[in-house]
Amino acid sequence: MRILLAALVVLAAVACGNGEDKAPEEEAPSGPKPVDVVTLPLRTETVEEYFTLPGDVQPWEDVSLTVEAGGVIETITKEEGGRIKSGETLLQLNMDSIRASLAKNRALLELKKANLERIEKLYKGKSASRKTYDEALADYKTAEADVQYFRSELSKGTLKSPLSAWVDRIYVDEGEFVSPGTKIAELVQTDRLKVITEVPEKDVAWLENGDNVTVTRALVNENLEEYRARIIHISKSADEVSRTYRVKLELIDGHHILRPGMIVRTRFLRRTIEDAFAVPFYAVVDRGDNRGVFLEDNGTARLVMVETGAVTGSRVVIKGELNVGDRLIVQGQQFLVDSQPVRSE
C-alpha cells in the first residue's frame, strides 16, 4: 500500500513538471487571403462616339439618253469608255426625208412671203380687199410654222450630251433603226462622286449638313485607307417602309479608288462627351440586372454601381460615384465581392 502511494506521488510530480515546461501553441491567422489584382487610375477625357452604316457610291450625275425621233442611225461619234463634252454630238440619225421636207417648205414660205408683199401693196392702194390680204397673211404664217416644225424635227435627229461625262454604255449600233424613246446610252459623271446611305431615326438628329464623315471600302481583314466626305443633304421625311432617312454625302477624295456601285462603310460622329470616364469593357461586372466596377481602396475591393453609356472602340463610358485618381481594378475583378481584401500589383 505504501509502495502504491509513493508511485502515484512520483507520477503526479512528473506530470506537473511536464506541464510547466510545455510552450504555448501559436494561433492560426484568421480572415480570407487577399486576392491579387491589377489596377489603373481613373482619368477623365473627351470621348467621341461614332456610328457606322453601309453606303452606296454613285456618280454625281447618271443620265440615260433617248432619241426623240425615229430613224436609221447614221453615226455614233463615241465608244464606251470615251469622254464626251457638254453639247457634243453623240449620235446622228439619217434625216434625209426631213431635210427634203424642210427645203420644200422653205421654198413655199418664200412664195407665200412674196405673195403677201404683193397683196399688201394692193391692199394699201385700195386695189385688194381686206379678206384677200388676211388670207395671204394666214398662208404666210402657216408656211412659216411648217418650216419651224421641220426644223424642230431635223434637230431631233441629233443627240447631244447634256453634260461633260464618261460614256458608260451604248445600247445601239450604226445602221440600226430606232423608234422615238429608244434608250441610246448611259452617261456617268465621276469627276465628283456621292455616297447615299440610310440613317435610322435615332441617329439622324445628331447630323447636320456640312458635317465631316469618314468613308472606307467594305472589305474584311484589310488595312483600309480612309477617305473624307461631307454631308450635303439630309432627307426631311423618313422612308415609309424602313423608317430611315436618306443622307447624301459628297466625296472629297478617294475618286481614284472608289467607283460607282461600290458598297462602303460610312462613319458618322454621333456626339462628343467632355470629362468622361472611359474604361475597358472587361472592367465592368454584372451584378444581377445592374452593372458595377471594383475600386481598390486601402487593400479592400469596393463595389461601385455604374451606368454604361457611349462605346468607343474597346472602352465604354461609365457614370457613378467615381473620382479622378480612384484605382480601378481591371484584372482579377470577376469573382470579387464587396469589401474583399485585395493586393494590388
Protein backbone atom coordinates (compact mmCIF):
# COMPACT_ATOMS: atom_id res chain seq x y z
CA MET A 1 0.00 0.00 0.00
CA ARG A 2 2.81 2.41 0.90
CA ILE A 3 4.57 1.45 -2.32
CA LEU A 4 1.46 2.28 -4.44
CA LEU A 5 1.07 5.72 -2.83
CA ALA A 6 4.72 6.53 -3.46
CA ALA A 7 4.33 5.64 -7.12
CA LEU A 8 1.32 7.91 -7.51
CA VAL A 9 3.22 10.78 -5.89
CA VAL A 10 6.10 10.34 -8.36
CA LEU A 11 3.77 10.25 -11.37
CA ALA A 12 1.98 13.38 -10.21
CA ALA A 13 5.28 15.21 -9.85
CA VAL A 14 6.40 14.19 -13.30
CA ALA A 15 3.10 15.33 -14.76
CA CYS A 16 3.37 18.70 -13.09
CA GLY A 17 6.93 19.14 -14.31
CA ASN A 18 5.97 18.38 -17.91
CA GLY A 19 3.11 20.91 -17.79
CA GLU A 20 5.40 23.69 -16.67
CA ASP A 21 7.97 23.10 -19.46
CA LYS A 22 5.45 22.96 -22.44
CA ALA A 23 5.48 26.10 -24.68
CA PRO A 24 2.12 27.65 -25.70
CA GLU A 25 0.98 26.94 -29.35
CA GLU A 26 0.80 29.83 -31.94
CA GLU A 27 -2.74 30.81 -33.11
CA ALA A 28 -3.53 30.34 -36.88
CA PRO A 29 -4.18 33.59 -38.83
CA SER A 30 -7.88 34.49 -39.26
CA GLY A 31 -9.78 36.06 -42.32
CA PRO A 32 -9.68 35.42 -46.10
CA LYS A 33 -6.46 35.61 -48.09
CA PRO A 34 -6.07 38.82 -50.20
CA VAL A 35 -6.75 38.44 -53.95
CA ASP A 36 -4.06 39.66 -56.34
CA VAL A 37 -5.44 42.34 -58.68
CA VAL A 38 -4.23 44.87 -61.27
CA THR A 39 -5.44 48.47 -61.11
CA LEU A 40 -5.43 51.57 -63.25
CA PRO A 41 -6.01 55.16 -62.13
CA LEU A 42 -9.26 56.74 -63.31
CA ARG A 43 -8.89 59.80 -65.55
CA THR A 44 -11.40 61.99 -67.36
CA GLU A 45 -11.11 62.58 -71.09
CA THR A 46 -13.03 63.82 -74.12
CA VAL A 47 -14.76 60.90 -75.84
CA GLU A 48 -16.11 60.95 -79.40
CA GLU A 49 -18.90 58.49 -80.07
CA TYR A 50 -19.34 57.25 -83.65
CA PHE A 51 -21.76 55.03 -85.53
CA THR A 52 -21.14 53.21 -88.82
CA LEU A 53 -23.57 52.48 -91.66
CA PRO A 54 -23.28 50.96 -95.15
CA GLY A 55 -23.35 53.33 -98.11
CA ASP A 56 -23.63 53.14 -101.89
CA VAL A 57 -21.17 55.04 -104.11
CA GLN A 58 -22.92 56.75 -107.02
CA PRO A 59 -21.79 59.05 -109.84
CA TRP A 60 -22.51 62.70 -109.31
CA GLU A 61 -24.73 62.61 -112.40
CA ASP A 62 -26.13 59.50 -114.09
CA VAL A 63 -28.04 60.20 -117.29
CA SER A 64 -29.88 57.88 -119.69
CA LEU A 65 -30.08 59.31 -123.21
CA THR A 66 -33.01 58.53 -125.52
CA VAL A 67 -33.90 59.72 -129.02
CA GLU A 68 -36.97 61.86 -129.70
CA ALA A 69 -37.27 60.88 -133.36
CA GLY A 70 -37.26 57.57 -135.18
CA GLY A 71 -34.95 56.55 -137.98
CA VAL A 72 -31.78 54.78 -139.00
CA ILE A 73 -28.63 55.57 -137.02
CA GLU A 74 -26.16 57.21 -139.35
CA THR A 75 -23.29 57.97 -136.96
CA ILE A 76 -22.22 57.23 -133.37
CA THR A 77 -19.36 59.54 -132.50
CA LYS A 78 -18.18 57.93 -129.24
CA GLU A 79 -17.30 54.50 -127.92
CA GLU A 80 -17.96 53.05 -124.49
CA GLY A 81 -15.44 54.44 -122.03
CA GLY A 82 -14.95 57.59 -124.08
CA ARG A 83 -15.18 61.11 -122.77
CA ILE A 84 -17.86 63.48 -124.10
CA LYS A 85 -18.27 67.20 -123.51
CA SER A 86 -21.45 69.07 -122.74
CA GLY A 87 -23.22 69.92 -126.01
CA GLU A 88 -21.13 67.49 -128.07
CA THR A 89 -22.94 65.23 -130.55
CA LEU A 90 -23.15 61.55 -129.60
CA LEU A 91 -25.48 60.21 -132.30
CA GLN A 92 -26.87 61.31 -135.67
CA LEU A 93 -29.92 59.79 -137.34
CA ASN A 94 -30.45 59.76 -141.11
CA MET A 95 -32.84 62.67 -141.59
CA ASP A 96 -32.79 62.98 -145.40
CA SER A 97 -36.60 62.89 -145.66
CA ILE A 98 -36.93 65.62 -143.05
CA ARG A 99 -34.32 67.74 -144.82
CA ALA A 100 -36.24 67.37 -148.09
CA SER A 101 -39.47 68.40 -146.42
CA LEU A 102 -37.73 71.36 -144.82
CA ALA A 103 -36.32 72.52 -148.16
CA LYS A 104 -39.74 72.19 -149.77
CA ASN A 105 -41.44 74.21 -147.07
CA ARG A 106 -38.74 76.86 -147.16
CA ALA A 107 -39.40 77.36 -150.86
CA LEU A 108 -43.12 77.51 -150.20
CA LEU A 109 -42.51 80.06 -147.45
CA GLU A 110 -40.61 82.30 -149.87
CA LEU A 111 -43.51 82.05 -152.31
CA LYS A 112 -46.04 82.90 -149.61
CA LYS A 113 -43.89 85.79 -148.47
CA ALA A 114 -43.68 87.26 -151.94
CA ASN A 115 -47.44 86.86 -152.42
CA LEU A 116 -48.13 88.55 -149.08
CA GLU A 117 -45.91 91.52 -150.02
CA ARG A 118 -47.74 91.88 -153.36
CA ILE A 119 -51.21 91.69 -151.77
CA GLU A 120 -50.15 94.12 -149.06
CA LYS A 121 -49.21 96.77 -151.66
CA LEU A 122 -52.53 96.27 -153.44
CA TYR A 123 -54.41 96.47 -150.15
CA LYS A 124 -52.70 99.72 -149.20
CA GLY A 125 -53.55 101.08 -152.68
CA LYS A 126 -57.21 100.11 -152.22
CA SER A 127 -56.86 97.56 -155.05
CA ALA A 128 -57.32 94.43 -152.86
CA SER A 129 -59.89 93.66 -150.21
CA ARG A 130 -59.21 93.11 -146.55
CA LYS A 131 -60.25 89.49 -146.92
CA THR A 132 -57.69 88.87 -149.66
CA TYR A 133 -54.97 90.40 -147.52
CA ASP A 134 -55.96 88.34 -144.45
CA GLU A 135 -55.91 85.12 -146.49
CA ALA A 136 -52.41 85.92 -147.85
CA LEU A 137 -51.19 86.68 -144.32
CA ALA A 138 -52.63 83.41 -142.96
CA ASP A 139 -50.98 81.43 -145.78
CA TYR A 140 -47.65 83.02 -144.97
CA LYS A 141 -47.90 82.28 -141.25
CA THR A 142 -48.89 78.67 -141.97
CA ALA A 143 -45.88 78.21 -144.23
CA GLU A 144 -43.66 79.80 -141.60
CA ALA A 145 -44.98 77.40 -138.94
CA ASP A 146 -44.34 74.44 -141.24
CA VAL A 147 -40.72 75.49 -141.64
CA GLN A 148 -40.33 75.78 -137.87
CA TYR A 149 -41.85 72.32 -137.43
CA PHE A 150 -39.46 70.61 -139.83
CA ARG A 151 -36.51 72.47 -138.34
CA SER A 152 -37.52 71.07 -134.96
CA GLU A 153 -37.91 67.57 -136.40
CA LEU A 154 -34.49 67.82 -138.02
CA SER A 155 -32.87 68.80 -134.70
CA LYS A 156 -34.35 65.68 -133.09
CA GLY A 157 -32.12 63.57 -135.31
CA THR A 158 -29.04 64.85 -133.48
CA LEU A 159 -28.49 63.54 -129.95
CA LYS A 160 -26.21 65.78 -127.88
CA SER A 161 -24.78 65.29 -124.41
CA PRO A 162 -26.33 67.47 -121.69
CA LEU A 163 -23.17 67.32 -119.57
CA SER A 164 -19.46 66.55 -119.63
CA ALA A 165 -19.18 62.89 -118.63
CA TRP A 166 -17.98 59.38 -119.48
CA VAL A 167 -19.90 57.23 -121.95
CA ASP A 168 -20.50 54.20 -119.76
CA ARG A 169 -22.83 52.18 -122.00
CA ILE A 170 -24.05 52.34 -125.61
CA TYR A 171 -27.07 50.19 -126.40
CA VAL A 172 -27.36 50.61 -130.20
CA ASP A 173 -25.20 50.29 -133.35
CA GLU A 174 -24.76 52.28 -136.51
CA GLY A 175 -27.24 51.28 -139.21
CA GLU A 176 -29.83 50.18 -136.65
CA PHE A 177 -33.38 51.52 -136.87
CA VAL A 178 -34.64 53.10 -133.65
CA SER A 179 -38.07 54.35 -132.60
CA PRO A 180 -38.78 57.52 -130.63
CA GLY A 181 -37.93 56.96 -126.96
CA THR A 182 -35.33 54.24 -127.60
CA LYS A 183 -32.59 54.19 -124.95
CA ILE A 184 -29.28 55.03 -126.60
CA ALA A 185 -26.60 55.41 -123.93
CA GLU A 186 -25.72 55.86 -120.26
CA LEU A 187 -23.52 58.77 -119.23
CA VAL A 188 -21.84 58.96 -115.82
CA GLN A 189 -20.04 61.89 -114.26
CA THR A 190 -17.31 60.56 -111.96
CA ASP A 191 -15.17 63.68 -111.59
CA ARG A 192 -17.34 64.07 -108.49
CA LEU A 193 -18.83 61.16 -106.54
CA LYS A 194 -21.57 60.92 -103.95
CA VAL A 195 -22.43 58.31 -101.33
CA ILE A 196 -26.02 57.52 -100.40
CA THR A 197 -26.80 55.97 -97.01
CA GLU A 198 -29.90 55.38 -94.89
CA VAL A 199 -29.73 56.69 -91.30
CA PRO A 200 -32.07 55.40 -88.52
CA GLU A 201 -34.33 57.94 -86.86
CA LYS A 202 -32.48 57.58 -83.52
CA ASP A 203 -29.27 58.86 -85.13
CA VAL A 204 -30.42 61.38 -87.73
CA ALA A 205 -30.96 64.07 -85.07
CA TRP A 206 -27.18 64.17 -84.45
CA LEU A 207 -26.39 65.05 -88.09
CA GLU A 208 -26.18 68.39 -89.89
CA ASN A 209 -25.31 69.50 -93.41
CA GLY A 210 -21.59 70.13 -93.68
CA ASP A 211 -20.61 67.50 -91.08
CA ASN A 212 -17.46 65.55 -91.92
CA VAL A 213 -17.77 61.79 -92.49
CA THR A 214 -15.15 59.06 -92.86
CA VAL A 215 -15.59 56.54 -95.70
CA THR A 216 -13.80 53.19 -96.11
CA ARG A 217 -14.25 50.29 -98.50
CA ALA A 218 -16.42 47.46 -97.16
CA LEU A 219 -13.71 44.80 -97.15
CA VAL A 220 -12.81 42.31 -94.42
CA ASN A 221 -9.41 41.77 -92.78
CA GLU A 222 -7.62 44.52 -94.68
CA ASN A 223 -5.83 47.66 -93.58
CA LEU A 224 -8.23 50.05 -95.27
CA GLU A 225 -7.47 53.62 -96.30
CA GLU A 226 -9.90 56.24 -95.04
CA TYR A 227 -11.46 58.84 -97.34
CA ARG A 228 -13.12 62.11 -96.47
CA ALA A 229 -16.69 63.11 -97.24
CA ARG A 230 -19.21 65.68 -96.05
CA ILE A 231 -22.97 65.71 -95.68
CA ILE A 232 -24.71 67.77 -98.39
CA HIS A 233 -28.32 66.70 -97.90
CA ILE A 234 -30.47 65.06 -95.20
CA SER A 235 -33.93 63.93 -96.21
CA LYS A 236 -36.73 65.82 -94.47
CA SER A 237 -39.01 62.77 -94.29
CA ALA A 238 -38.42 59.11 -93.46
CA ASP A 239 -38.90 56.17 -95.80
CA GLU A 240 -42.38 54.79 -95.21
CA VAL A 241 -41.15 51.19 -95.00
CA SER A 242 -37.69 51.29 -93.38
CA ARG A 243 -38.28 54.45 -91.29
CA THR A 244 -34.80 55.63 -92.22
CA TYR A 245 -33.65 58.98 -93.59
CA ARG A 246 -31.74 59.26 -96.87
CA VAL A 247 -28.44 61.10 -96.41
CA LYS A 248 -26.29 62.23 -99.33
CA LEU A 249 -22.53 62.68 -98.95
CA GLU A 250 -20.06 64.33 -101.31
CA LEU A 251 -16.71 62.55 -101.52
CA ILE A 252 -13.80 64.91 -101.07
CA ASP A 253 -11.11 62.38 -102.01
CA GLY A 254 -10.83 58.70 -102.94
CA HIS A 255 -12.01 59.16 -106.54
CA HIS A 256 -9.01 57.15 -107.79
CA ILE A 257 -10.12 54.10 -105.78
CA LEU A 258 -13.87 54.29 -105.27
CA ARG A 259 -16.20 53.61 -108.20
CA PRO A 260 -19.96 53.92 -108.69
CA GLY A 261 -21.74 50.83 -107.43
CA MET A 262 -19.27 50.05 -104.64
CA ILE A 263 -20.53 49.40 -101.12
CA VAL A 264 -18.65 51.38 -98.47
CA ARG A 265 -18.72 51.97 -94.72
CA THR A 266 -19.63 55.47 -93.60
CA ARG A 267 -18.56 56.58 -90.11
CA PHE A 268 -20.54 59.42 -88.52
CA LEU A 269 -19.80 61.36 -85.33
CA ARG A 270 -22.81 60.94 -83.04
CA ARG A 271 -21.67 63.17 -80.15
CA THR A 272 -18.71 64.44 -78.13
CA ILE A 273 -18.68 63.79 -74.37
CA GLU A 274 -16.50 66.02 -72.18
CA ASP A 275 -14.91 64.92 -68.86
CA ALA A 276 -15.93 61.28 -69.31
CA PHE A 277 -14.66 58.15 -67.57
CA ALA A 278 -13.95 55.62 -70.36
CA VAL A 279 -12.90 52.20 -69.05
CA PRO A 280 -12.20 48.82 -70.67
CA PHE A 281 -15.30 46.67 -71.27
CA TYR A 282 -13.89 43.85 -69.16
CA ALA A 283 -13.57 46.09 -66.09
CA VAL A 284 -17.37 46.28 -65.82
CA VAL A 285 -19.03 43.39 -63.94
CA ASP A 286 -22.66 42.30 -63.96
CA ARG A 287 -24.46 42.06 -60.66
CA GLY A 288 -27.97 40.86 -61.39
CA ASP A 289 -29.70 43.46 -63.54
CA ASN A 290 -27.12 46.09 -62.62
CA ARG A 291 -23.53 46.80 -63.51
CA GLY A 292 -20.62 47.97 -61.48
CA VAL A 293 -16.87 48.31 -61.18
CA PHE A 294 -14.49 47.47 -58.35
CA LEU A 295 -12.16 50.10 -56.89
CA GLU A 296 -9.13 49.27 -54.76
CA ASP A 297 -9.42 51.25 -51.51
CA ASN A 298 -6.60 50.69 -48.95
CA GLY A 299 -6.33 46.98 -49.65
CA THR A 300 -10.07 46.42 -49.96
CA ALA A 301 -12.24 45.94 -53.06
CA ARG A 302 -15.13 48.41 -53.09
CA LEU A 303 -18.03 47.78 -55.49
CA VAL A 304 -19.45 50.90 -57.12
CA MET A 305 -22.61 50.59 -59.23
CA VAL A 306 -22.43 52.47 -62.54
CA GLU A 307 -24.43 53.31 -65.65
CA THR A 308 -22.85 52.48 -69.01
CA GLY A 309 -23.11 54.85 -71.95
CA ALA A 310 -21.25 55.53 -75.16
CA VAL A 311 -18.98 52.87 -76.61
CA THR A 312 -15.68 53.84 -78.22
CA GLY A 313 -13.52 51.04 -79.53
CA SER A 314 -12.94 48.54 -76.70
CA ARG A 315 -13.97 51.01 -74.00
CA VAL A 316 -17.26 52.14 -72.53
CA VAL A 317 -18.20 55.39 -70.80
CA ILE A 318 -19.44 54.91 -67.23
CA LYS A 319 -21.18 57.16 -64.70
CA GLY A 320 -21.35 56.64 -60.95
CA GLU A 321 -19.77 57.70 -57.65
CA LEU A 322 -16.31 57.92 -59.18
CA ASN A 323 -13.46 60.36 -58.74
CA VAL A 324 -10.32 61.15 -60.67
CA GLY A 325 -7.47 59.11 -59.24
CA ASP A 326 -9.60 56.19 -57.99
CA ARG A 327 -7.85 52.85 -58.53
CA LEU A 328 -9.98 50.85 -60.96
CA ILE A 329 -9.48 47.07 -60.75
CA VAL A 330 -9.07 45.78 -64.31
CA GLN A 331 -7.75 42.27 -63.60
CA GLY A 332 -8.99 39.78 -61.02
CA GLN A 333 -12.34 41.54 -60.51
CA GLN A 334 -14.70 38.95 -61.94
CA PHE A 335 -15.03 36.88 -58.75
CA LEU A 336 -14.59 39.63 -56.18
CA VAL A 337 -17.20 40.60 -53.62
CA ASP A 338 -17.63 43.94 -51.97
CA SER A 339 -15.14 44.61 -49.08
CA GLN A 340 -12.96 41.64 -50.02
CA PRO A 341 -9.24 42.07 -49.24
CA VAL A 342 -7.07 42.61 -52.32
CA ARG A 343 -3.42 43.07 -53.05
CA SER A 344 -2.57 45.40 -55.93
CA GLU A 345 0.42 44.65 -58.12
